[in-house]
N, C-alpha and C. Protein backbone atom coordinates (compact mmCIF):
# COMPACT_ATOMS: atom_id res chain seq x y z
N MET A 1 77.19 70.52 115.58
CA MET A 1 77.67 71.91 115.28
C MET A 1 79.18 71.89 114.95
N SER A 2 79.57 72.59 113.90
CA SER A 2 80.94 72.62 113.47
C SER A 2 81.81 73.40 114.44
N LEU A 3 83.10 73.17 114.37
CA LEU A 3 84.08 73.88 115.27
C LEU A 3 83.99 75.37 115.03
N VAL A 4 83.87 75.79 113.77
CA VAL A 4 83.84 77.23 113.46
C VAL A 4 82.60 77.86 114.09
N ASN A 5 81.46 77.23 114.02
CA ASN A 5 80.24 77.76 114.63
C ASN A 5 80.39 77.81 116.14
N LYS A 6 81.02 76.82 116.73
CA LYS A 6 81.19 76.83 118.21
C LYS A 6 82.05 78.04 118.61
N ILE A 7 83.08 78.30 117.87
CA ILE A 7 83.95 79.44 118.16
C ILE A 7 83.20 80.75 117.99
N LYS A 8 82.42 80.86 116.89
CA LYS A 8 81.70 82.14 116.64
C LYS A 8 80.66 82.38 117.77
N GLN A 9 80.13 81.31 118.34
CA GLN A 9 79.08 81.54 119.38
C GLN A 9 79.60 81.71 120.77
N ASN A 10 80.89 81.49 120.99
CA ASN A 10 81.53 81.63 122.28
C ASN A 10 82.47 82.84 122.25
N PRO A 11 82.08 83.93 122.96
CA PRO A 11 82.90 85.17 122.87
C PRO A 11 84.35 84.99 123.30
N LYS A 12 84.60 84.17 124.33
CA LYS A 12 85.99 83.94 124.75
C LYS A 12 86.82 83.19 123.66
N LEU A 13 86.23 82.10 123.16
CA LEU A 13 86.93 81.37 122.11
C LEU A 13 87.13 82.23 120.83
N LYS A 14 86.08 83.02 120.58
CA LYS A 14 86.16 83.91 119.39
C LYS A 14 87.31 84.92 119.52
N LYS A 15 87.45 85.44 120.71
CA LYS A 15 88.53 86.42 120.93
C LYS A 15 89.88 85.79 120.81
N ILE A 16 90.08 84.56 121.34
CA ILE A 16 91.34 83.83 121.22
C ILE A 16 91.65 83.52 119.77
N ALA A 17 90.65 83.04 119.06
CA ALA A 17 90.83 82.65 117.66
C ALA A 17 91.17 83.85 116.83
N HIS A 18 90.54 84.97 117.12
CA HIS A 18 90.77 86.23 116.39
C HIS A 18 92.20 86.69 116.57
N ARG A 19 92.73 86.59 117.78
CA ARG A 19 94.11 87.03 118.09
C ARG A 19 95.11 86.06 117.39
N LEU A 20 94.81 84.76 117.29
CA LEU A 20 95.65 83.83 116.60
C LEU A 20 95.67 84.12 115.08
N LEU A 21 94.62 84.57 114.52
CA LEU A 21 94.51 84.78 113.08
C LEU A 21 94.98 86.19 112.66
N ILE A 22 94.76 87.20 113.54
CA ILE A 22 94.99 88.57 113.16
C ILE A 22 95.78 89.24 114.23
N PRO A 23 96.90 89.95 113.88
CA PRO A 23 97.66 90.71 114.88
C PRO A 23 96.84 91.82 115.49
N ALA A 24 97.18 92.25 116.71
CA ALA A 24 96.49 93.28 117.40
C ALA A 24 96.56 94.59 116.53
N ASN A 25 95.46 95.31 116.50
CA ASN A 25 95.38 96.62 115.83
C ASN A 25 95.77 96.51 114.31
N ASP A 26 95.33 95.40 113.72
CA ASP A 26 95.57 95.16 112.30
C ASP A 26 94.34 94.54 111.69
N HIS A 27 94.29 94.50 110.38
CA HIS A 27 93.17 93.96 109.67
C HIS A 27 93.59 92.89 108.69
N ARG A 28 94.82 92.55 108.68
CA ARG A 28 95.36 91.50 107.77
C ARG A 28 95.58 90.19 108.51
N PRO A 29 95.38 89.09 107.84
CA PRO A 29 95.65 87.78 108.45
C PRO A 29 97.16 87.60 108.67
N ARG A 30 97.52 86.88 109.71
CA ARG A 30 98.92 86.58 110.00
C ARG A 30 99.50 85.82 108.83
N LEU A 31 100.85 85.85 108.76
CA LEU A 31 101.54 85.17 107.67
C LEU A 31 101.26 83.73 107.60
N TRP A 32 101.16 83.02 108.76
CA TRP A 32 100.95 81.60 108.76
C TRP A 32 99.57 81.25 108.19
N VAL A 33 98.63 82.16 108.43
CA VAL A 33 97.30 81.96 107.90
C VAL A 33 97.32 82.04 106.37
N ARG A 34 97.99 83.03 105.85
CA ARG A 34 98.11 83.25 104.36
C ARG A 34 98.83 82.11 103.73
N LEU A 35 99.88 81.62 104.34
CA LEU A 35 100.72 80.59 103.70
C LEU A 35 100.24 79.17 103.89
N PHE A 36 99.73 78.86 105.06
CA PHE A 36 99.45 77.46 105.38
C PHE A 36 97.97 77.07 105.56
N LEU A 37 97.12 78.06 105.83
CA LEU A 37 95.74 77.78 106.10
C LEU A 37 94.87 78.06 104.88
N ASN A 38 94.96 79.29 104.40
CA ASN A 38 94.07 79.73 103.27
C ASN A 38 94.15 78.87 102.02
N PRO A 39 95.36 78.38 101.63
CA PRO A 39 95.42 77.54 100.41
C PRO A 39 94.56 76.27 100.51
N PHE A 40 94.40 75.78 101.71
CA PHE A 40 93.61 74.57 101.90
C PHE A 40 92.10 74.80 102.16
N LYS A 41 91.82 76.04 102.54
CA LYS A 41 90.46 76.39 102.89
C LYS A 41 89.65 76.93 101.70
N HIS A 42 90.27 77.73 100.88
CA HIS A 42 89.60 78.48 99.85
C HIS A 42 89.78 77.86 98.44
N LYS A 43 88.79 78.05 97.58
CA LYS A 43 88.79 77.42 96.25
C LYS A 43 89.34 78.39 95.22
N ARG A 44 90.33 77.87 94.50
CA ARG A 44 90.92 78.62 93.40
C ARG A 44 90.71 77.80 92.10
N GLY A 45 89.97 78.33 91.14
CA GLY A 45 89.71 77.55 89.92
C GLY A 45 90.93 77.38 89.05
N LYS A 46 90.89 76.41 88.20
CA LYS A 46 91.97 76.12 87.26
C LYS A 46 92.26 77.35 86.40
N GLY A 47 93.51 77.70 86.28
CA GLY A 47 93.90 78.79 85.41
C GLY A 47 93.65 80.14 85.94
N SER A 48 93.16 80.25 87.17
CA SER A 48 92.94 81.57 87.79
C SER A 48 94.28 82.23 88.20
N ILE A 49 94.25 83.56 88.20
CA ILE A 49 95.50 84.29 88.49
C ILE A 49 95.25 85.32 89.57
N VAL A 50 96.09 85.39 90.57
CA VAL A 50 96.11 86.45 91.59
C VAL A 50 97.48 87.12 91.50
N ARG A 51 97.47 88.35 91.01
CA ARG A 51 98.77 89.03 90.79
C ARG A 51 99.54 89.25 92.12
N PHE A 52 100.85 89.26 91.99
CA PHE A 52 101.73 89.33 93.21
C PHE A 52 101.44 90.55 94.10
N ASN A 53 101.13 91.72 93.46
CA ASN A 53 100.94 92.90 94.22
C ASN A 53 99.52 93.14 94.70
N SER A 54 98.72 92.17 94.58
CA SER A 54 97.30 92.25 95.16
C SER A 54 97.40 92.04 96.68
N ARG A 55 96.41 92.54 97.36
CA ARG A 55 96.36 92.37 98.83
C ARG A 55 95.17 91.45 99.17
N MET A 56 95.50 90.24 99.58
CA MET A 56 94.45 89.27 99.88
C MET A 56 94.25 89.15 101.37
N ASP A 57 93.35 89.99 101.93
CA ASP A 57 92.99 89.93 103.33
C ASP A 57 91.83 88.91 103.46
N VAL A 58 92.28 87.66 103.32
CA VAL A 58 91.35 86.56 103.27
C VAL A 58 91.52 85.69 104.52
N PHE A 59 90.40 85.40 105.15
CA PHE A 59 90.40 84.70 106.47
C PHE A 59 89.71 83.39 106.33
N PRO A 60 90.01 82.40 107.17
CA PRO A 60 89.40 81.04 107.01
C PRO A 60 88.02 80.94 107.54
N PHE A 61 87.54 81.94 108.33
CA PHE A 61 86.23 81.79 108.97
C PHE A 61 85.08 82.25 108.03
N ASN A 62 85.41 82.81 106.84
CA ASN A 62 84.42 83.09 105.81
C ASN A 62 84.96 82.51 104.48
N ASN A 63 84.09 82.40 103.53
CA ASN A 63 84.51 81.80 102.25
C ASN A 63 85.13 82.81 101.29
N PHE A 64 86.08 82.26 100.56
CA PHE A 64 86.60 83.03 99.35
C PHE A 64 86.71 81.99 98.29
N GLU A 65 86.12 82.35 97.10
CA GLU A 65 86.22 81.44 95.91
C GLU A 65 86.59 82.32 94.71
N LEU A 66 87.46 81.78 93.87
CA LEU A 66 87.82 82.42 92.63
C LEU A 66 87.70 81.40 91.51
N GLY A 67 86.81 81.72 90.52
CA GLY A 67 86.49 80.78 89.50
C GLY A 67 87.63 80.56 88.48
N GLU A 68 87.49 79.53 87.71
CA GLU A 68 88.52 79.22 86.73
C GLU A 68 88.72 80.36 85.70
N ARG A 69 89.97 80.54 85.32
CA ARG A 69 90.35 81.52 84.29
C ARG A 69 90.02 82.98 84.77
N SER A 70 89.76 83.24 85.98
CA SER A 70 89.55 84.59 86.45
C SER A 70 90.86 85.25 86.92
N VAL A 71 90.91 86.56 86.89
CA VAL A 71 92.12 87.28 87.18
C VAL A 71 91.85 88.38 88.17
N ILE A 72 92.68 88.44 89.25
CA ILE A 72 92.72 89.55 90.20
C ILE A 72 94.00 90.32 89.93
N GLU A 73 93.84 91.55 89.43
CA GLU A 73 95.03 92.29 88.99
C GLU A 73 95.81 92.95 90.16
N ASP A 74 96.90 93.54 89.84
CA ASP A 74 97.76 94.19 90.84
C ASP A 74 97.05 95.29 91.61
N PHE A 75 97.40 95.37 92.89
CA PHE A 75 96.93 96.46 93.80
C PHE A 75 95.44 96.35 94.10
N VAL A 76 94.86 95.17 93.81
CA VAL A 76 93.48 94.87 94.27
C VAL A 76 93.51 94.45 95.73
N THR A 77 92.50 94.86 96.49
CA THR A 77 92.26 94.35 97.84
C THR A 77 91.05 93.50 97.90
N ILE A 78 91.17 92.30 98.38
CA ILE A 78 90.02 91.41 98.59
C ILE A 78 89.92 91.15 100.10
N ASN A 79 88.76 91.37 100.70
CA ASN A 79 88.61 91.19 102.12
C ASN A 79 87.28 90.48 102.40
N ASN A 80 87.41 89.25 102.98
CA ASN A 80 86.23 88.48 103.37
C ASN A 80 86.05 88.44 104.88
N GLY A 81 86.62 89.42 105.57
CA GLY A 81 86.59 89.40 107.02
C GLY A 81 85.15 89.52 107.60
N VAL A 82 84.25 90.19 106.89
CA VAL A 82 82.86 90.33 107.43
C VAL A 82 81.84 89.62 106.57
N GLY A 83 82.28 88.95 105.50
CA GLY A 83 81.36 88.23 104.64
C GLY A 83 82.05 87.55 103.48
N ASP A 84 81.42 86.50 102.98
CA ASP A 84 82.01 85.72 101.91
C ASP A 84 82.28 86.59 100.67
N VAL A 85 83.34 86.27 99.95
CA VAL A 85 83.61 86.86 98.62
C VAL A 85 83.70 85.69 97.62
N VAL A 86 82.78 85.69 96.71
CA VAL A 86 82.73 84.62 95.66
C VAL A 86 82.80 85.28 94.28
N ILE A 87 83.78 84.89 93.50
CA ILE A 87 84.00 85.43 92.17
C ILE A 87 83.93 84.27 91.17
N GLY A 88 83.07 84.42 90.16
CA GLY A 88 82.81 83.41 89.21
C GLY A 88 83.93 83.27 88.16
N ALA A 89 83.71 82.34 87.21
CA ALA A 89 84.73 82.00 86.20
C ALA A 89 84.87 83.11 85.15
N HIS A 90 86.05 83.21 84.57
CA HIS A 90 86.34 84.16 83.47
C HIS A 90 86.00 85.57 83.82
N THR A 91 86.27 85.99 85.06
CA THR A 91 86.00 87.33 85.51
C THR A 91 87.30 88.08 85.79
N MET A 92 87.26 89.35 85.50
CA MET A 92 88.44 90.22 85.63
C MET A 92 88.17 91.30 86.68
N ILE A 93 89.02 91.31 87.71
CA ILE A 93 88.98 92.39 88.78
C ILE A 93 90.15 93.33 88.48
N GLY A 94 89.82 94.58 88.02
CA GLY A 94 90.82 95.48 87.52
C GLY A 94 91.73 96.12 88.56
N ILE A 95 92.81 96.63 88.11
CA ILE A 95 93.85 97.26 88.92
C ILE A 95 93.29 98.22 89.95
N GLY A 96 93.72 98.07 91.22
CA GLY A 96 93.37 99.05 92.21
C GLY A 96 91.96 98.96 92.79
N SER A 97 91.26 97.91 92.46
CA SER A 97 89.90 97.76 92.93
C SER A 97 89.86 97.20 94.36
N VAL A 98 88.73 97.39 95.03
CA VAL A 98 88.56 96.91 96.40
C VAL A 98 87.26 96.14 96.51
N ILE A 99 87.33 94.88 97.00
CA ILE A 99 86.19 94.02 97.15
C ILE A 99 86.08 93.61 98.61
N ILE A 100 85.02 94.09 99.27
CA ILE A 100 84.82 93.74 100.68
C ILE A 100 83.48 93.02 100.81
N GLY A 101 83.46 91.81 101.33
CA GLY A 101 82.27 91.01 101.44
C GLY A 101 81.21 91.55 102.39
N PRO A 102 80.02 91.00 102.33
CA PRO A 102 79.61 89.89 101.50
C PRO A 102 79.32 90.34 100.05
N VAL A 103 80.02 89.70 99.11
CA VAL A 103 79.89 90.00 97.71
C VAL A 103 79.88 88.71 96.91
N ASN A 104 78.98 88.66 95.92
CA ASN A 104 78.94 87.52 94.99
C ASN A 104 79.05 88.11 93.55
N ILE A 105 80.08 87.80 92.86
CA ILE A 105 80.29 88.26 91.52
C ILE A 105 80.19 87.08 90.53
N GLY A 106 79.44 87.24 89.47
CA GLY A 106 79.14 86.14 88.58
C GLY A 106 80.25 85.80 87.58
N LYS A 107 79.89 85.15 86.49
CA LYS A 107 80.84 84.74 85.44
C LYS A 107 80.94 85.82 84.39
N HIS A 108 82.10 85.87 83.73
CA HIS A 108 82.34 86.78 82.63
C HIS A 108 82.09 88.24 82.99
N VAL A 109 82.42 88.60 84.20
CA VAL A 109 82.24 90.00 84.66
C VAL A 109 83.53 90.79 84.46
N MET A 110 83.39 92.01 84.03
CA MET A 110 84.57 92.92 83.85
C MET A 110 84.46 94.04 84.87
N LEU A 111 85.39 94.16 85.79
CA LEU A 111 85.48 95.28 86.66
C LEU A 111 86.77 96.09 86.16
N ALA A 112 86.59 97.31 85.81
CA ALA A 112 87.71 98.10 85.34
C ALA A 112 88.57 98.57 86.55
N GLN A 113 89.23 99.66 86.44
CA GLN A 113 90.22 100.12 87.42
C GLN A 113 89.55 100.88 88.58
N ASN A 114 90.08 100.70 89.78
CA ASN A 114 89.75 101.57 90.96
C ASN A 114 88.24 101.53 91.27
N ILE A 115 87.69 100.34 91.27
CA ILE A 115 86.30 100.17 91.63
C ILE A 115 86.19 99.71 93.12
N VAL A 116 85.22 100.27 93.82
CA VAL A 116 84.95 99.85 95.20
C VAL A 116 83.64 99.14 95.27
N VAL A 117 83.66 97.85 95.73
CA VAL A 117 82.49 97.06 95.92
C VAL A 117 82.49 96.62 97.40
N SER A 118 81.67 97.24 98.16
CA SER A 118 81.73 96.96 99.65
C SER A 118 80.34 96.63 100.25
N GLY A 119 80.26 95.43 100.76
CA GLY A 119 79.03 95.02 101.46
C GLY A 119 79.02 95.43 102.92
N LEU A 120 80.01 96.23 103.33
CA LEU A 120 80.15 96.64 104.74
C LEU A 120 79.87 98.12 104.92
N ASN A 121 79.17 98.44 106.01
CA ASN A 121 78.89 99.80 106.40
C ASN A 121 79.00 99.88 107.90
N HIS A 122 79.04 101.12 108.42
CA HIS A 122 79.04 101.34 109.85
C HIS A 122 77.88 102.24 110.21
N GLY A 123 77.29 102.02 111.39
CA GLY A 123 76.31 102.90 111.95
C GLY A 123 76.97 104.26 112.28
N TYR A 124 76.10 105.28 112.32
CA TYR A 124 76.58 106.63 112.63
C TYR A 124 75.62 107.39 113.57
N GLU A 125 74.45 106.78 113.82
CA GLU A 125 73.38 107.48 114.51
C GLU A 125 73.75 107.94 115.92
N ASP A 126 74.55 107.19 116.64
CA ASP A 126 74.91 107.56 118.01
C ASP A 126 76.03 108.62 117.93
N VAL A 127 75.69 109.88 118.20
CA VAL A 127 76.66 110.97 118.07
C VAL A 127 77.70 110.96 119.21
N THR A 128 77.53 110.15 120.20
CA THR A 128 78.50 110.07 121.31
C THR A 128 79.59 109.02 121.04
N THR A 129 79.48 108.29 119.90
CA THR A 129 80.41 107.23 119.58
C THR A 129 80.91 107.43 118.13
N PRO A 130 82.23 107.33 117.94
CA PRO A 130 82.72 107.44 116.54
C PRO A 130 82.08 106.33 115.64
N PRO A 131 81.82 106.63 114.40
CA PRO A 131 81.28 105.66 113.49
C PRO A 131 82.10 104.38 113.42
N SER A 132 83.44 104.50 113.58
CA SER A 132 84.30 103.33 113.46
C SER A 132 84.07 102.34 114.60
N LEU A 133 83.44 102.82 115.70
CA LEU A 133 83.16 101.92 116.82
C LEU A 133 81.75 101.54 116.92
N GLN A 134 80.96 102.01 116.01
CA GLN A 134 79.51 101.59 115.98
C GLN A 134 79.28 100.29 115.25
N LYS A 135 78.07 99.80 115.32
CA LYS A 135 77.73 98.49 114.81
C LYS A 135 78.01 98.37 113.35
N GLU A 136 78.63 97.25 112.91
CA GLU A 136 78.83 96.97 111.50
C GLU A 136 77.50 96.56 110.90
N ILE A 137 77.26 97.07 109.67
CA ILE A 137 76.10 96.70 108.91
C ILE A 137 76.51 96.00 107.65
N ARG A 138 76.04 94.76 107.48
CA ARG A 138 76.49 93.97 106.34
C ARG A 138 75.32 93.65 105.42
N LYS A 139 75.43 93.95 104.16
CA LYS A 139 74.36 93.69 103.21
C LYS A 139 74.98 93.10 101.91
N GLN A 140 74.46 92.00 101.51
CA GLN A 140 75.00 91.28 100.33
C GLN A 140 74.94 92.13 99.09
N ILE A 141 76.02 92.14 98.30
CA ILE A 141 76.07 92.67 97.00
C ILE A 141 76.16 91.53 96.00
N THR A 142 75.31 91.64 94.96
CA THR A 142 75.31 90.62 93.88
C THR A 142 75.54 91.27 92.56
N ILE A 143 76.59 90.86 91.86
CA ILE A 143 76.90 91.35 90.51
C ILE A 143 76.71 90.07 89.61
N SER A 144 75.66 90.15 88.78
CA SER A 144 75.32 88.97 87.98
C SER A 144 76.23 88.74 86.81
N ASP A 145 76.00 87.65 86.09
CA ASP A 145 76.90 87.24 84.97
C ASP A 145 76.94 88.36 83.89
N SER A 146 78.12 88.48 83.27
CA SER A 146 78.28 89.28 82.06
C SER A 146 78.10 90.79 82.30
N VAL A 147 78.30 91.22 83.51
CA VAL A 147 78.20 92.65 83.84
C VAL A 147 79.57 93.36 83.54
N TRP A 148 79.48 94.60 83.08
CA TRP A 148 80.64 95.42 82.87
C TRP A 148 80.55 96.66 83.71
N ILE A 149 81.55 96.88 84.51
CA ILE A 149 81.49 98.06 85.41
C ILE A 149 82.74 98.94 85.06
N GLY A 150 82.48 100.22 84.70
CA GLY A 150 83.56 101.10 84.26
C GLY A 150 84.40 101.61 85.40
N ALA A 151 85.50 102.24 85.07
CA ALA A 151 86.50 102.67 86.05
C ALA A 151 85.91 103.65 87.10
N ASN A 152 86.47 103.59 88.32
CA ASN A 152 86.18 104.55 89.36
C ASN A 152 84.71 104.51 89.87
N CYS A 153 84.06 103.37 89.72
CA CYS A 153 82.68 103.25 90.27
C CYS A 153 82.72 102.80 91.74
N VAL A 154 81.54 103.06 92.40
CA VAL A 154 81.33 102.59 93.74
C VAL A 154 80.02 101.83 93.76
N ILE A 155 80.03 100.62 94.25
CA ILE A 155 78.87 99.74 94.34
C ILE A 155 78.56 99.63 95.84
N THR A 156 77.43 100.16 96.31
CA THR A 156 77.21 100.21 97.74
C THR A 156 76.51 98.97 98.25
N ALA A 157 76.56 98.76 99.58
CA ALA A 157 75.99 97.60 100.23
C ALA A 157 74.56 97.32 99.90
N GLY A 158 74.22 96.08 99.64
CA GLY A 158 72.86 95.67 99.42
C GLY A 158 72.40 95.69 97.98
N VAL A 159 73.22 96.17 97.08
CA VAL A 159 72.84 96.39 95.69
C VAL A 159 72.92 95.07 94.86
N THR A 160 72.05 94.87 93.97
CA THR A 160 72.10 93.83 92.98
C THR A 160 72.15 94.43 91.58
N ILE A 161 73.10 93.98 90.78
CA ILE A 161 73.22 94.41 89.39
C ILE A 161 72.86 93.25 88.48
N GLY A 162 71.83 93.41 87.64
CA GLY A 162 71.34 92.33 86.85
C GLY A 162 72.25 91.92 85.67
N LYS A 163 71.95 90.71 85.09
CA LYS A 163 72.72 90.18 84.04
C LYS A 163 72.92 91.07 82.86
N HIS A 164 74.14 91.12 82.34
CA HIS A 164 74.56 91.85 81.12
C HIS A 164 74.21 93.35 81.20
N SER A 165 74.32 93.87 82.36
CA SER A 165 74.15 95.34 82.53
C SER A 165 75.48 96.03 82.53
N VAL A 166 75.51 97.31 82.21
CA VAL A 166 76.71 98.11 82.10
C VAL A 166 76.61 99.27 83.04
N ILE A 167 77.64 99.54 83.84
CA ILE A 167 77.68 100.69 84.79
C ILE A 167 78.74 101.63 84.21
N GLY A 168 78.34 102.84 83.89
CA GLY A 168 79.24 103.81 83.32
C GLY A 168 80.30 104.28 84.30
N ALA A 169 81.48 104.65 83.78
CA ALA A 169 82.62 105.03 84.59
C ALA A 169 82.21 106.16 85.56
N GLY A 170 82.76 106.07 86.77
CA GLY A 170 82.51 107.12 87.77
C GLY A 170 81.16 107.13 88.45
N SER A 171 80.39 106.08 88.18
CA SER A 171 79.02 106.02 88.76
C SER A 171 79.07 105.55 90.23
N VAL A 172 78.04 105.94 90.99
CA VAL A 172 77.81 105.49 92.34
C VAL A 172 76.50 104.74 92.37
N VAL A 173 76.52 103.43 92.49
CA VAL A 173 75.30 102.62 92.46
C VAL A 173 74.75 102.39 93.83
N THR A 174 73.63 103.03 94.11
CA THR A 174 73.00 102.95 95.44
C THR A 174 71.70 102.12 95.45
N LYS A 175 71.22 101.76 94.23
CA LYS A 175 70.00 100.97 94.12
C LYS A 175 70.17 99.86 93.10
N ASP A 176 69.38 98.86 93.14
CA ASP A 176 69.44 97.74 92.20
C ASP A 176 69.36 98.21 90.79
N VAL A 177 70.09 97.58 89.90
CA VAL A 177 70.08 97.84 88.46
C VAL A 177 69.52 96.61 87.78
N PRO A 178 68.43 96.70 87.02
CA PRO A 178 67.84 95.51 86.40
C PRO A 178 68.81 94.94 85.32
N GLU A 179 68.50 93.72 84.86
CA GLU A 179 69.26 93.08 83.80
C GLU A 179 69.16 93.82 82.49
N PHE A 180 70.16 93.74 81.67
CA PHE A 180 70.15 94.26 80.31
C PHE A 180 69.88 95.76 80.28
N CYS A 181 70.61 96.50 81.14
CA CYS A 181 70.48 97.91 81.25
C CYS A 181 71.82 98.62 81.23
N VAL A 182 71.81 99.92 80.91
CA VAL A 182 72.96 100.77 81.11
C VAL A 182 72.62 101.82 82.14
N ALA A 183 73.45 101.98 83.18
CA ALA A 183 73.20 102.93 84.24
C ALA A 183 74.45 103.79 84.42
N VAL A 184 74.21 105.11 84.61
CA VAL A 184 75.33 106.05 84.78
C VAL A 184 74.93 107.06 85.83
N GLY A 185 75.94 107.73 86.42
CA GLY A 185 75.74 108.93 87.25
C GLY A 185 75.91 108.69 88.73
N ASN A 186 75.67 109.70 89.51
CA ASN A 186 75.74 109.68 90.96
C ASN A 186 74.53 110.44 91.50
N PRO A 187 73.53 109.69 92.05
CA PRO A 187 73.44 108.23 92.08
C PRO A 187 73.11 107.70 90.65
N ALA A 188 73.50 106.45 90.41
CA ALA A 188 73.34 105.85 89.04
C ALA A 188 71.87 105.72 88.72
N ARG A 189 71.55 106.08 87.44
CA ARG A 189 70.22 105.95 86.90
C ARG A 189 70.30 105.16 85.57
N VAL A 190 69.25 104.44 85.30
CA VAL A 190 69.18 103.65 84.06
C VAL A 190 68.91 104.63 82.89
N ILE A 191 69.79 104.56 81.87
CA ILE A 191 69.60 105.44 80.68
C ILE A 191 69.28 104.60 79.44
N LYS A 192 69.56 103.30 79.46
CA LYS A 192 69.19 102.46 78.33
C LYS A 192 68.72 101.10 78.82
N LYS A 193 67.79 100.47 78.06
CA LYS A 193 67.35 99.16 78.31
C LYS A 193 67.25 98.38 77.04
N TYR A 194 67.58 97.08 77.14
CA TYR A 194 67.50 96.25 75.93
C TYR A 194 66.10 95.67 75.79
N ASP A 195 65.51 95.81 74.55
CA ASP A 195 64.22 95.32 74.22
C ASP A 195 64.41 93.98 73.52
N ALA A 196 64.05 92.91 74.23
CA ALA A 196 64.29 91.55 73.69
C ALA A 196 63.41 91.32 72.45
N LYS A 197 62.26 91.99 72.38
CA LYS A 197 61.34 91.79 71.25
C LYS A 197 61.93 92.42 69.99
N ASP A 198 62.35 93.69 70.09
CA ASP A 198 62.90 94.42 68.94
C ASP A 198 64.37 94.11 68.79
N LYS A 199 65.03 93.56 69.78
CA LYS A 199 66.46 93.33 69.75
C LYS A 199 67.30 94.56 69.56
N VAL A 200 66.89 95.61 70.24
CA VAL A 200 67.62 96.88 70.21
C VAL A 200 67.72 97.46 71.61
N TRP A 201 68.64 98.36 71.82
CA TRP A 201 68.77 99.11 73.13
C TRP A 201 68.02 100.41 72.97
N HIS A 202 67.03 100.67 73.81
CA HIS A 202 66.27 101.92 73.80
C HIS A 202 66.72 102.85 74.93
N SER A 203 66.75 104.15 74.58
CA SER A 203 67.05 105.12 75.65
C SER A 203 65.90 105.26 76.61
N VAL A 204 66.22 105.55 77.88
CA VAL A 204 65.21 105.74 78.91
C VAL A 204 65.24 107.14 79.36
N LYS A 205 64.13 107.81 79.43
CA LYS A 205 64.03 109.19 79.88
C LYS A 205 63.85 109.19 81.38
N ASN A 206 64.64 110.00 82.06
CA ASN A 206 64.52 110.16 83.49
C ASN A 206 64.00 111.61 83.83
N ASN A 207 62.98 111.68 84.70
CA ASN A 207 62.46 112.99 85.08
C ASN A 207 63.43 113.72 86.00
C-alpha cells in the first residue's frame, strides 16, 4: 500500500497531512506545496502555458495533468481537491473559467470564457444541516476530444460530452450529450446531429 493510501485511510494521519498542505479555514494549498511539491508531482506537457493570473488550487493527493501545447488563460481556477483534473493536448481553457474535479478533458477542446465545469456537489436533504456541511457528492465529468463549449456555460457533475460536439453559449448541461451534436439551452437540448452517411448536419426537433 502506498503512503498516500495509508494516509487517506487513517483519519488522524489524514488530518495532520491536510493541515500541512492547507491552511485552516482555507481551500488553497500552502505556498511550499505550490512551489516545491506540485512541480514534481503533476505532469505539464511540452509547450503548455498556465497564465500568471490563473488560480491553481492543485494538491498532491490527486492528479493534475496538462497536455502539450494546452493553455490555461488568466483568471481560471483549477481545483483537484476532490478529484483528478486531466486536460489533454492542444486544449484551451478560456478566461475566467472554473474547473473542479473529477474532470477529464480531451484533446483539441475549446472552452470559451466564464465556463463552470464542476464534478463536485453537496447534499441538501437534511434540513437541520447547512448544505455546506453535508456530504460531498463527486461524479466524473468527461469532455471528449474536439469539443467546443461556448461562453458562460455550466457543465454539471456526472455529464459526458461526446466527441466533436458543440455546446451553445449560456447553456446548462445536465445530461449527457452524444458525439457530433449541437446542444443549447437551459437545460441543454440537442438541436443538431451530424449524419455520417449524408455528411451533413441535420436539425433535431424537440417536443
